[in-house]
Amino acid sequence: MPAIADPHVGFVSFQEALRTGEIKLTACESHPELYVLHDTPEPGTQRLTYALVTGATAKAYAVYVLAEPINGKPCFGVGYATGVEYRGQGLATQVVQASMIELQKGLAPKLLVPGFYVEAIVGADNIASQKVAGRALGDNPKKTKDKESGLPALQYVKLLGC
């Protein structure tokens, strides 16, 4: 059985692309170390990657992609990761919270109906990510199964922009 997708794998690639200059980030207004990259990893898939960056080093990132709507409102799935050497410092929570502020500022004027959801699907055995999701999205998860792996997971959901 496959495992639940690990955002740290993408984080390592992101760090390398940032270090080599393969990607260029745009500074965000709400946080001095927060930067964003908007790209299309595959046709029809828009992705927003927010990272806490110092120099050419990404310490943590949060990646958003459009997911299935919830209650008729758009929903963005979020995955997040922190560099190994920066773990335990609250950076994952910080990048998720700061990026949600930026996402809300960017989306609110474009939505026909106010409000959108942010959702994190976290492995039932991933305690560190559960703590981040609880702090950033609310500590009332729903038990579910990861769609890709079929493994037990928790769904954290937060409504923004209403």
N, C-alpha and C. Protein backbone atom coordinates (compact mmCIF):
# COMPACT_ATOMS: atom_id res chain seq x y z
N MET A 1 0.85 -1.18 0.00
CA MET A 1 0.00 0.00 0.00
C MET A 1 0.90 1.24 0.00
N PRO A 2 0.59 2.23 -0.83
CA PRO A 2 1.41 3.45 -0.85
C PRO A 2 1.24 4.25 0.44
N ALA A 3 2.20 5.09 0.71
CA ALA A 3 2.15 5.96 1.89
C ALA A 3 1.43 7.26 1.56
N ILE A 4 1.03 7.97 2.59
CA ILE A 4 0.47 9.30 2.40
C ILE A 4 1.59 10.19 1.87
N ALA A 5 1.26 11.05 0.92
CA ALA A 5 2.26 11.93 0.30
C ALA A 5 2.99 12.74 1.38
N ASP A 6 4.30 12.80 1.26
CA ASP A 6 5.14 13.50 2.22
C ASP A 6 5.59 14.83 1.61
N PRO A 7 5.06 15.97 2.10
CA PRO A 7 5.45 17.26 1.53
C PRO A 7 6.94 17.56 1.66
N HIS A 8 7.63 16.87 2.55
CA HIS A 8 9.07 17.13 2.71
C HIS A 8 9.84 16.76 1.45
N VAL A 9 9.37 15.78 0.70
CA VAL A 9 10.04 15.39 -0.55
C VAL A 9 10.04 16.58 -1.51
N GLY A 10 8.90 17.23 -1.67
CA GLY A 10 8.82 18.41 -2.52
C GLY A 10 9.61 19.58 -1.96
N PHE A 11 9.66 19.66 -0.63
CA PHE A 11 10.40 20.75 0.01
C PHE A 11 11.88 20.67 -0.33
N VAL A 12 12.44 19.48 -0.32
CA VAL A 12 13.86 19.30 -0.66
C VAL A 12 14.12 19.78 -2.09
N SER A 13 13.23 19.42 -3.02
CA SER A 13 13.36 19.88 -4.41
C SER A 13 13.22 21.39 -4.51
N PHE A 14 12.28 21.95 -3.76
CA PHE A 14 12.06 23.39 -3.75
C PHE A 14 13.32 24.11 -3.25
N GLN A 15 13.90 23.62 -2.16
CA GLN A 15 15.12 24.22 -1.62
C GLN A 15 16.24 24.22 -2.65
N GLU A 16 16.40 23.10 -3.34
CA GLU A 16 17.47 22.99 -4.33
C GLU A 16 17.23 23.96 -5.49
N ALA A 17 15.99 24.03 -5.97
CA ALA A 17 15.66 24.95 -7.07
C ALA A 17 15.87 26.40 -6.64
N LEU A 18 15.57 26.71 -5.40
CA LEU A 18 15.80 28.07 -4.89
C LEU A 18 17.29 28.36 -4.81
N ARG A 19 18.05 27.41 -4.29
CA ARG A 19 19.49 27.58 -4.13
C ARG A 19 20.19 27.79 -5.46
N THR A 20 19.76 27.07 -6.50
CA THR A 20 20.41 27.15 -7.81
C THR A 20 19.86 28.28 -8.68
N GLY A 21 18.82 28.97 -8.20
CA GLY A 21 18.24 30.06 -8.97
C GLY A 21 17.27 29.61 -10.05
N GLU A 22 16.89 28.35 -10.02
CA GLU A 22 15.95 27.80 -11.00
C GLU A 22 14.56 28.41 -10.85
N ILE A 23 14.21 28.80 -9.62
CA ILE A 23 12.92 29.44 -9.38
C ILE A 23 13.17 30.83 -8.78
N LYS A 24 12.25 31.73 -9.06
CA LYS A 24 12.30 33.09 -8.53
C LYS A 24 11.02 33.32 -7.72
N LEU A 25 11.19 33.77 -6.51
CA LEU A 25 10.07 33.99 -5.61
C LEU A 25 9.71 35.48 -5.56
N THR A 26 8.48 35.75 -5.18
CA THR A 26 7.99 37.11 -5.02
C THR A 26 7.75 37.37 -3.54
N ALA A 27 8.23 38.50 -3.03
CA ALA A 27 8.03 38.85 -1.62
C ALA A 27 6.55 39.09 -1.34
N CYS A 28 6.12 38.66 -0.16
CA CYS A 28 4.75 38.90 0.29
C CYS A 28 4.73 40.15 1.18
N GLU A 29 3.57 40.76 1.29
CA GLU A 29 3.44 42.00 2.05
C GLU A 29 3.29 41.79 3.55
N SER A 30 2.71 40.67 3.97
CA SER A 30 2.31 40.51 5.36
C SER A 30 3.41 40.03 6.30
N HIS A 31 4.50 39.53 5.76
CA HIS A 31 5.55 38.95 6.61
C HIS A 31 6.89 39.17 5.92
N PRO A 32 7.90 39.66 6.65
CA PRO A 32 9.17 40.01 6.00
C PRO A 32 9.95 38.84 5.40
N GLU A 33 9.73 37.62 5.89
CA GLU A 33 10.46 36.47 5.35
C GLU A 33 9.59 35.57 4.48
N LEU A 34 8.35 35.98 4.20
CA LEU A 34 7.43 35.14 3.43
C LEU A 34 7.49 35.51 1.95
N TYR A 35 7.67 34.48 1.13
CA TYR A 35 7.74 34.63 -0.33
C TYR A 35 6.79 33.63 -0.96
N VAL A 36 6.38 33.92 -2.21
CA VAL A 36 5.43 33.06 -2.90
C VAL A 36 5.93 32.72 -4.31
N LEU A 37 5.56 31.54 -4.75
CA LEU A 37 5.79 31.09 -6.12
C LEU A 37 4.47 30.55 -6.64
N HIS A 38 3.99 31.09 -7.76
CA HIS A 38 2.78 30.58 -8.41
C HIS A 38 3.24 29.85 -9.66
N ASP A 39 2.90 28.56 -9.75
CA ASP A 39 3.30 27.80 -10.93
C ASP A 39 2.23 26.80 -11.31
N THR A 40 2.46 26.13 -12.42
CA THR A 40 1.56 25.10 -12.95
C THR A 40 2.37 23.82 -13.09
N PRO A 41 2.35 22.96 -12.06
CA PRO A 41 3.17 21.75 -12.11
C PRO A 41 2.75 20.76 -13.19
N GLU A 42 1.47 20.79 -13.54
CA GLU A 42 0.96 19.97 -14.65
C GLU A 42 -0.22 20.72 -15.25
N PRO A 43 -0.55 20.45 -16.50
CA PRO A 43 -1.64 21.19 -17.15
C PRO A 43 -2.92 21.16 -16.32
N GLY A 44 -3.49 22.35 -16.12
CA GLY A 44 -4.74 22.46 -15.38
C GLY A 44 -4.59 22.52 -13.87
N THR A 45 -3.39 22.43 -13.35
CA THR A 45 -3.17 22.47 -11.91
C THR A 45 -2.37 23.71 -11.54
N GLN A 46 -3.02 24.62 -10.85
CA GLN A 46 -2.35 25.81 -10.34
C GLN A 46 -1.85 25.51 -8.93
N ARG A 47 -0.66 25.99 -8.61
CA ARG A 47 -0.08 25.74 -7.29
C ARG A 47 0.50 27.04 -6.76
N LEU A 48 0.24 27.30 -5.49
CA LEU A 48 0.83 28.42 -4.78
C LEU A 48 1.72 27.87 -3.68
N THR A 49 2.98 28.23 -3.72
CA THR A 49 3.93 27.79 -2.70
C THR A 49 4.42 29.01 -1.95
N TYR A 50 4.19 29.01 -0.66
CA TYR A 50 4.65 30.07 0.22
C TYR A 50 5.80 29.52 1.05
N ALA A 51 6.87 30.30 1.18
CA ALA A 51 8.03 29.83 1.94
C ALA A 51 8.57 30.92 2.84
N LEU A 52 9.04 30.50 4.01
CA LEU A 52 9.81 31.38 4.88
C LEU A 52 11.25 31.26 4.45
N VAL A 53 11.80 32.36 3.95
CA VAL A 53 13.13 32.33 3.32
C VAL A 53 14.05 33.34 3.99
N THR A 54 15.27 32.89 4.24
CA THR A 54 16.35 33.77 4.68
C THR A 54 17.50 33.57 3.71
N GLY A 55 17.90 34.64 3.03
CA GLY A 55 18.94 34.51 2.01
C GLY A 55 18.43 33.62 0.89
N ALA A 56 19.17 32.55 0.60
CA ALA A 56 18.75 31.59 -0.43
C ALA A 56 18.29 30.28 0.21
N THR A 57 17.88 30.36 1.49
CA THR A 57 17.47 29.16 2.21
C THR A 57 16.01 29.22 2.60
N ALA A 58 15.24 28.24 2.17
CA ALA A 58 13.86 28.09 2.61
C ALA A 58 13.87 27.29 3.91
N LYS A 59 13.28 27.85 4.94
CA LYS A 59 13.23 27.17 6.24
C LYS A 59 12.00 26.27 6.34
N ALA A 60 10.89 26.74 5.78
CA ALA A 60 9.63 26.00 5.82
C ALA A 60 8.77 26.48 4.66
N TYR A 61 7.85 25.61 4.24
CA TYR A 61 6.94 26.04 3.18
C TYR A 61 5.56 25.44 3.35
N ALA A 62 4.59 26.10 2.70
CA ALA A 62 3.21 25.62 2.64
C ALA A 62 2.80 25.67 1.18
N VAL A 63 2.24 24.57 0.70
CA VAL A 63 1.86 24.44 -0.71
C VAL A 63 0.35 24.27 -0.81
N TYR A 64 -0.28 25.09 -1.64
CA TYR A 64 -1.73 25.07 -1.82
C TYR A 64 -2.09 24.66 -3.24
N VAL A 65 -3.04 23.75 -3.36
CA VAL A 65 -3.63 23.39 -4.65
C VAL A 65 -5.14 23.32 -4.46
N LEU A 66 -5.86 23.60 -5.52
CA LEU A 66 -7.31 23.56 -5.47
C LEU A 66 -7.77 22.12 -5.22
N ALA A 67 -8.68 21.96 -4.27
CA ALA A 67 -9.24 20.65 -3.93
C ALA A 67 -10.73 20.66 -4.24
N GLU A 68 -11.42 19.61 -3.84
CA GLU A 68 -12.87 19.53 -4.04
C GLU A 68 -13.56 20.61 -3.21
N PRO A 69 -14.57 21.29 -3.78
CA PRO A 69 -15.29 22.31 -3.01
C PRO A 69 -15.94 21.72 -1.75
N ILE A 70 -16.11 22.56 -0.76
CA ILE A 70 -16.81 22.18 0.47
C ILE A 70 -17.97 23.15 0.63
N ASN A 71 -19.16 22.61 0.81
CA ASN A 71 -20.37 23.45 0.98
C ASN A 71 -20.50 24.49 -0.13
N GLY A 72 -20.12 24.12 -1.35
CA GLY A 72 -20.25 25.01 -2.49
C GLY A 72 -19.20 26.10 -2.58
N LYS A 73 -18.23 26.08 -1.69
CA LYS A 73 -17.16 27.09 -1.71
C LYS A 73 -15.85 26.45 -2.13
N PRO A 74 -14.98 27.24 -2.77
CA PRO A 74 -13.67 26.69 -3.15
C PRO A 74 -12.91 26.19 -1.93
N CYS A 75 -12.09 25.19 -2.15
CA CYS A 75 -11.27 24.62 -1.08
C CYS A 75 -9.86 24.43 -1.60
N PHE A 76 -8.90 24.82 -0.80
CA PHE A 76 -7.49 24.64 -1.14
C PHE A 76 -6.87 23.65 -0.17
N GLY A 77 -6.33 22.58 -0.72
CA GLY A 77 -5.59 21.64 0.10
C GLY A 77 -4.22 22.22 0.39
N VAL A 78 -3.77 22.07 1.61
CA VAL A 78 -2.45 22.58 1.99
C VAL A 78 -1.59 21.44 2.52
N GLY A 79 -0.35 21.45 2.08
CA GLY A 79 0.68 20.57 2.62
C GLY A 79 1.82 21.45 3.08
N TYR A 80 2.55 21.02 4.08
CA TYR A 80 3.61 21.87 4.63
C TYR A 80 4.77 21.01 5.10
N ALA A 81 5.93 21.64 5.12
CA ALA A 81 7.14 20.95 5.57
C ALA A 81 8.13 21.97 6.08
N THR A 82 9.03 21.50 6.92
CA THR A 82 10.09 22.33 7.49
C THR A 82 11.41 21.63 7.26
N GLY A 83 12.45 22.40 6.96
CA GLY A 83 13.78 21.83 6.84
C GLY A 83 14.17 21.14 8.13
N VAL A 84 14.85 20.02 8.02
CA VAL A 84 15.19 19.21 9.19
C VAL A 84 15.87 20.05 10.27
N GLU A 85 16.79 20.90 9.87
CA GLU A 85 17.54 21.70 10.85
C GLU A 85 16.71 22.80 11.49
N TYR A 86 15.50 23.05 10.99
CA TYR A 86 14.65 24.11 11.54
C TYR A 86 13.42 23.57 12.27
N ARG A 87 13.32 22.28 12.42
CA ARG A 87 12.16 21.68 13.07
C ARG A 87 12.13 22.01 14.56
N GLY A 88 10.93 21.99 15.11
CA GLY A 88 10.76 22.24 16.53
C GLY A 88 10.79 23.71 16.91
N GLN A 89 10.75 24.60 15.93
CA GLN A 89 10.81 26.04 16.20
C GLN A 89 9.49 26.75 15.90
N GLY A 90 8.46 25.99 15.53
CA GLY A 90 7.17 26.59 15.23
C GLY A 90 7.06 27.18 13.83
N LEU A 91 8.04 26.89 12.97
CA LEU A 91 8.04 27.49 11.63
C LEU A 91 6.95 26.95 10.72
N ALA A 92 6.59 25.68 10.87
CA ALA A 92 5.51 25.13 10.04
C ALA A 92 4.20 25.85 10.35
N THR A 93 3.91 26.01 11.64
CA THR A 93 2.70 26.74 12.02
C THR A 93 2.76 28.17 11.51
N GLN A 94 3.92 28.80 11.65
CA GLN A 94 4.09 30.18 11.21
C GLN A 94 3.86 30.33 9.72
N VAL A 95 4.43 29.43 8.91
CA VAL A 95 4.28 29.57 7.46
C VAL A 95 2.84 29.29 7.03
N VAL A 96 2.17 28.35 7.67
CA VAL A 96 0.78 28.08 7.32
C VAL A 96 -0.09 29.29 7.69
N GLN A 97 0.07 29.81 8.89
CA GLN A 97 -0.74 30.96 9.31
C GLN A 97 -0.48 32.19 8.44
N ALA A 98 0.79 32.50 8.21
CA ALA A 98 1.14 33.68 7.40
C ALA A 98 0.66 33.51 5.96
N SER A 99 0.79 32.31 5.41
CA SER A 99 0.37 32.09 4.03
C SER A 99 -1.15 32.16 3.88
N MET A 100 -1.88 31.76 4.91
CA MET A 100 -3.34 31.87 4.84
C MET A 100 -3.76 33.34 4.79
N ILE A 101 -3.04 34.20 5.50
CA ILE A 101 -3.32 35.64 5.44
C ILE A 101 -3.10 36.15 4.02
N GLU A 102 -1.98 35.77 3.42
CA GLU A 102 -1.67 36.19 2.04
C GLU A 102 -2.68 35.63 1.05
N LEU A 103 -3.02 34.36 1.20
CA LEU A 103 -3.98 33.71 0.31
C LEU A 103 -5.33 34.44 0.39
N GLN A 104 -5.74 34.76 1.60
CA GLN A 104 -7.00 35.45 1.79
C GLN A 104 -6.97 36.84 1.15
N LYS A 105 -5.88 37.57 1.33
CA LYS A 105 -5.75 38.91 0.72
C LYS A 105 -5.80 38.82 -0.80
N GLY A 106 -5.19 37.80 -1.36
CA GLY A 106 -5.15 37.67 -2.81
C GLY A 106 -6.45 37.17 -3.41
N LEU A 107 -7.15 36.29 -2.69
CA LEU A 107 -8.37 35.68 -3.25
C LEU A 107 -9.63 36.48 -3.00
N ALA A 108 -9.74 37.11 -1.85
CA ALA A 108 -11.00 37.77 -1.46
C ALA A 108 -11.58 38.66 -2.56
N PRO A 109 -10.77 39.51 -3.21
CA PRO A 109 -11.36 40.37 -4.24
C PRO A 109 -11.80 39.62 -5.49
N LYS A 110 -11.34 38.40 -5.68
CA LYS A 110 -11.63 37.66 -6.91
C LYS A 110 -12.81 36.70 -6.77
N LEU A 111 -13.26 36.45 -5.54
CA LEU A 111 -14.34 35.49 -5.33
C LEU A 111 -15.70 36.13 -5.58
N LEU A 112 -16.56 35.41 -6.27
CA LEU A 112 -17.92 35.90 -6.52
C LEU A 112 -18.74 35.87 -5.24
N VAL A 113 -18.52 34.85 -4.43
CA VAL A 113 -19.19 34.71 -3.14
C VAL A 113 -18.10 34.67 -2.08
N PRO A 114 -18.24 35.43 -1.00
CA PRO A 114 -17.18 35.47 0.01
C PRO A 114 -16.91 34.10 0.62
N GLY A 115 -15.66 33.87 0.93
CA GLY A 115 -15.27 32.68 1.68
C GLY A 115 -14.70 31.56 0.84
N PHE A 116 -13.72 30.89 1.43
CA PHE A 116 -13.14 29.68 0.87
C PHE A 116 -12.56 28.86 2.02
N TYR A 117 -12.35 27.60 1.75
CA TYR A 117 -11.83 26.69 2.78
C TYR A 117 -10.37 26.36 2.51
N VAL A 118 -9.67 26.08 3.61
CA VAL A 118 -8.34 25.49 3.55
C VAL A 118 -8.44 24.16 4.28
N GLU A 119 -7.90 23.12 3.66
CA GLU A 119 -8.01 21.76 4.18
C GLU A 119 -6.63 21.12 4.25
N ALA A 120 -6.36 20.44 5.36
CA ALA A 120 -5.15 19.62 5.47
C ALA A 120 -5.57 18.20 5.79
N ILE A 121 -5.08 17.25 5.01
CA ILE A 121 -5.29 15.84 5.28
C ILE A 121 -3.98 15.32 5.87
N VAL A 122 -4.04 14.90 7.13
CA VAL A 122 -2.83 14.54 7.87
C VAL A 122 -2.92 13.08 8.30
N GLY A 123 -1.85 12.36 8.09
CA GLY A 123 -1.80 10.96 8.51
C GLY A 123 -2.12 10.80 9.98
N ALA A 124 -2.89 9.76 10.31
CA ALA A 124 -3.28 9.52 11.70
C ALA A 124 -2.08 9.29 12.61
N ASP A 125 -0.95 8.92 12.03
CA ASP A 125 0.26 8.67 12.83
C ASP A 125 1.25 9.83 12.79
N ASN A 126 0.91 10.93 12.14
CA ASN A 126 1.82 12.06 11.99
C ASN A 126 1.48 13.14 13.04
N ILE A 127 1.97 12.91 14.25
CA ILE A 127 1.63 13.78 15.38
C ILE A 127 2.11 15.22 15.17
N ALA A 128 3.33 15.39 14.66
CA ALA A 128 3.87 16.75 14.47
C ALA A 128 2.98 17.55 13.51
N SER A 129 2.58 16.95 12.40
CA SER A 129 1.72 17.66 11.43
C SER A 129 0.32 17.88 11.99
N GLN A 130 -0.15 16.97 12.83
CA GLN A 130 -1.45 17.17 13.48
C GLN A 130 -1.41 18.40 14.38
N LYS A 131 -0.31 18.59 15.08
CA LYS A 131 -0.18 19.77 15.96
C LYS A 131 -0.20 21.05 15.14
N VAL A 132 0.50 21.05 14.02
CA VAL A 132 0.51 22.23 13.14
C VAL A 132 -0.89 22.51 12.63
N ALA A 133 -1.56 21.49 12.11
CA ALA A 133 -2.91 21.66 11.57
C ALA A 133 -3.88 22.12 12.65
N GLY A 134 -3.74 21.57 13.85
CA GLY A 134 -4.60 21.98 14.96
C GLY A 134 -4.43 23.45 15.30
N ARG A 135 -3.18 23.92 15.32
CA ARG A 135 -2.92 25.32 15.64
C ARG A 135 -3.39 26.25 14.51
N ALA A 136 -3.17 25.86 13.28
CA ALA A 136 -3.45 26.75 12.15
C ALA A 136 -4.89 26.67 11.65
N LEU A 137 -5.47 25.47 11.69
CA LEU A 137 -6.79 25.27 11.08
C LEU A 137 -7.90 24.96 12.08
N GLY A 138 -7.54 24.75 13.33
CA GLY A 138 -8.53 24.42 14.34
C GLY A 138 -8.39 22.98 14.79
N ASP A 139 -8.61 22.77 16.06
CA ASP A 139 -8.34 21.46 16.65
C ASP A 139 -9.60 20.61 16.73
N ASN A 140 -10.28 20.47 15.60
CA ASN A 140 -11.49 19.66 15.56
C ASN A 140 -11.50 18.82 14.29
N PRO A 141 -10.51 17.93 14.13
CA PRO A 141 -10.42 17.17 12.88
C PRO A 141 -11.48 16.08 12.77
N LYS A 142 -11.73 15.70 11.54
CA LYS A 142 -12.66 14.61 11.24
C LYS A 142 -11.84 13.42 10.76
N LYS A 143 -12.16 12.24 11.26
CA LYS A 143 -11.47 11.04 10.81
C LYS A 143 -11.86 10.75 9.37
N THR A 144 -10.87 10.35 8.58
CA THR A 144 -11.10 10.06 7.17
C THR A 144 -10.03 9.08 6.70
N LYS A 145 -10.01 8.83 5.42
CA LYS A 145 -8.93 8.04 4.81
C LYS A 145 -8.31 8.88 3.71
N ASP A 146 -7.00 8.82 3.61
CA ASP A 146 -6.30 9.52 2.54
C ASP A 146 -6.74 8.92 1.21
N LYS A 147 -7.14 9.77 0.25
CA LYS A 147 -7.66 9.29 -1.03
C LYS A 147 -6.63 8.52 -1.84
N GLU A 148 -5.37 8.93 -1.78
CA GLU A 148 -4.33 8.29 -2.58
C GLU A 148 -3.86 6.96 -1.99
N SER A 149 -3.63 6.95 -0.68
CA SER A 149 -3.04 5.77 -0.05
C SER A 149 -4.06 4.85 0.60
N GLY A 150 -5.22 5.40 0.95
CA GLY A 150 -6.22 4.63 1.67
C GLY A 150 -5.94 4.50 3.16
N LEU A 151 -4.88 5.14 3.64
CA LEU A 151 -4.50 5.05 5.04
C LEU A 151 -5.35 5.97 5.91
N PRO A 152 -5.49 5.62 7.20
CA PRO A 152 -6.25 6.47 8.11
C PRO A 152 -5.62 7.87 8.19
N ALA A 153 -6.48 8.87 8.21
CA ALA A 153 -6.01 10.26 8.25
C ALA A 153 -7.01 11.11 9.02
N LEU A 154 -6.61 12.34 9.24
CA LEU A 154 -7.48 13.33 9.87
C LEU A 154 -7.62 14.50 8.91
N GLN A 155 -8.85 15.00 8.79
CA GLN A 155 -9.14 16.14 7.92
C GLN A 155 -9.36 17.37 8.79
N TYR A 156 -8.50 18.37 8.60
CA TYR A 156 -8.63 19.65 9.27
C TYR A 156 -9.13 20.65 8.24
N VAL A 157 -10.15 21.43 8.61
CA VAL A 157 -10.75 22.38 7.66
C VAL A 157 -10.98 23.71 8.36
N LYS A 158 -10.69 24.79 7.65
CA LYS A 158 -10.95 26.13 8.18
C LYS A 158 -11.56 26.99 7.08
N LEU A 159 -12.62 27.71 7.41
CA LEU A 159 -13.27 28.64 6.50
C LEU A 159 -12.62 30.01 6.67
N LEU A 160 -12.20 30.60 5.57
CA LEU A 160 -11.57 31.93 5.59
C LEU A 160 -12.38 32.89 4.73
N GLY A 161 -12.24 34.17 5.02
CA GLY A 161 -12.80 35.20 4.15
C GLY A 161 -14.27 35.47 4.30
N CYS A 162 -14.88 35.01 5.38
CA CYS A 162 -16.31 35.30 5.59
C CYS A 162 -16.48 36.27 6.73
